[in-house]
Structures are given as C-alpha cells and as structure tokens.
C-alpha cells in the first residue's frame, strides 16, 4: 500500500469519527434545547393559571362586595319604611 492510499483511508476514518462526534453531541444539544423549551412553556402555563386564579378571586370578591352593598341598601330602605 502506498502513502496516498493510507492517507485516503485515514481521511475517511477521521471524517467518520468527526461525523459521529458531531452527531452524538448535536443530538444531546438538540435534546437539551427541547427540554428547555418545554420547561419554559410549562412555566409560562403555570404563571398563566396563577394569573387566572387571581383574576377569578378578584371577580368573586367584587361580586361578594356588590351583594353586600345591595343587602345594606335594602336594609336601609326597610329601616326607613318602618320608621317613616
């Protein structure tokens, strides 16, 4: 075997090793990126549900205050009727 044939074989071996290296670590990198995106999406969804629950609590509180205000107004009207 002459030197050029050995060098050609060596180049192919190095190319295959480099491709395997890039493929393995590229896959790992891709999986890590996908995992980060999922975590961010889940975190965003959790924050959204927390914001919704806060909004729902505010709505319930306002509704309760409105009901109490109506009851107080009705009680005041009845008191005025009885005394007047």
Protein backbone atom coordinates (compact mmCIF):
# COMPACT_ATOMS: atom_id res chain seq x y z
CA UNK A 1 0.00 0.00 0.00
CA UNK A 2 1.37 3.37 -0.90
CA UNK A 3 1.16 6.51 1.22
CA UNK A 4 -1.68 8.11 -0.76
CA UNK A 5 -3.97 5.13 -0.18
CA UNK A 6 -3.18 5.14 3.55
CA UNK A 7 -3.84 8.87 3.69
CA UNK A 8 -7.18 8.43 1.86
CA UNK A 9 -8.26 5.72 4.30
CA UNK A 10 -7.12 7.83 7.25
CA UNK A 11 -9.11 10.83 5.95
CA UNK A 12 -12.26 8.69 5.69
CA UNK A 13 -11.75 7.30 9.18
CA UNK A 14 -11.30 10.80 10.59
CA UNK A 15 -14.35 12.03 8.67
CA UNK A 16 -16.50 9.21 10.06
CA UNK A 17 -15.23 9.85 13.62
CA UNK A 18 -15.91 13.57 13.26
CA UNK A 19 -19.40 12.91 11.93
CA UNK A 20 -20.12 10.55 14.82
CA UNK A 21 -18.84 13.10 17.32
CA UNK A 22 -20.95 15.89 15.83
CA UNK A 23 -23.97 13.60 15.56
CA UNK A 24 -23.80 12.46 19.18
CA UNK A 25 -23.24 15.88 20.70
CA UNK A 26 -25.62 17.52 18.25
CA UNK A 27 -28.31 15.11 19.42
CA UNK A 28 -27.53 15.89 23.05
CA UNK A 29 -27.66 19.61 22.31
CA UNK A 30 -30.97 19.26 20.49
CA UNK A 31 -32.48 17.29 23.38
CA UNK A 32 -31.30 19.91 25.85
CA UNK A 33 -32.82 22.71 23.76
CA UNK A 34 -36.12 20.84 23.52
CA UNK A 35 -36.12 20.26 27.28
CA UNK A 36 -35.52 23.95 27.98
CA UNK A 37 -38.36 24.98 25.67
CA UNK A 38 -40.73 22.54 27.38
CA UNK A 39 -39.73 23.86 30.81
CA UNK A 40 -40.29 27.45 29.71
CA UNK A 41 -43.65 26.56 28.18
CA UNK A 42 -44.74 24.79 31.37
CA UNK A 43 -43.50 27.69 33.50
CA UNK A 44 -45.41 30.13 31.32
CA UNK A 45 -48.53 27.98 31.57
CA UNK A 46 -48.21 27.83 35.36
CA UNK A 47 -47.91 31.61 35.57
CA UNK A 48 -50.93 31.98 33.31
CA UNK A 49 -53.03 29.71 35.51
CA UNK A 50 -51.90 31.63 38.61
CA UNK A 51 -52.89 34.91 36.97
CA UNK A 52 -56.26 33.44 36.03
CA UNK A 53 -56.90 32.27 39.59
CA UNK A 54 -56.02 35.74 40.90
CA UNK A 55 -58.43 37.28 38.39
CA UNK A 56 -61.15 34.82 39.39
CA UNK A 57 -60.59 35.64 43.08
CA UNK A 58 -60.89 39.35 42.29
CA UNK A 59 -64.13 38.74 40.41
CA UNK A 60 -65.55 36.73 43.31
CA UNK A 61 -64.54 39.43 45.78
CA UNK A 62 -66.17 42.16 43.68
CA UNK A 63 -69.34 40.10 43.31
CA UNK A 64 -69.46 39.49 47.07
CA UNK A 65 -68.96 43.20 47.77
CA UNK A 66 -71.74 44.03 45.33
CA UNK A 67 -74.11 41.60 47.06
CA UNK A 68 -73.25 43.03 50.49
CA UNK A 69 -73.81 46.57 49.21
CA UNK A 70 -77.26 45.60 47.86
CA UNK A 71 -78.18 43.95 51.18
CA UNK A 72 -77.12 47.04 53.12
CA UNK A 73 -79.11 49.28 50.77
CA UNK A 74 -82.18 47.05 51.12
CA UNK A 75 -81.86 47.01 54.92
CA UNK A 76 -81.58 50.81 54.96
CA UNK A 77 -84.73 51.10 52.81
CA UNK A 78 -86.66 48.79 55.14
CA UNK A 79 -85.49 50.73 58.18
CA UNK A 80 -86.67 53.99 56.60
CA UNK A 81 -90.07 52.41 55.75
CA UNK A 82 -90.62 51.22 59.33
CA UNK A 83 -89.60 54.46 60.94
CA UNK A 84 -91.35 56.70 58.41
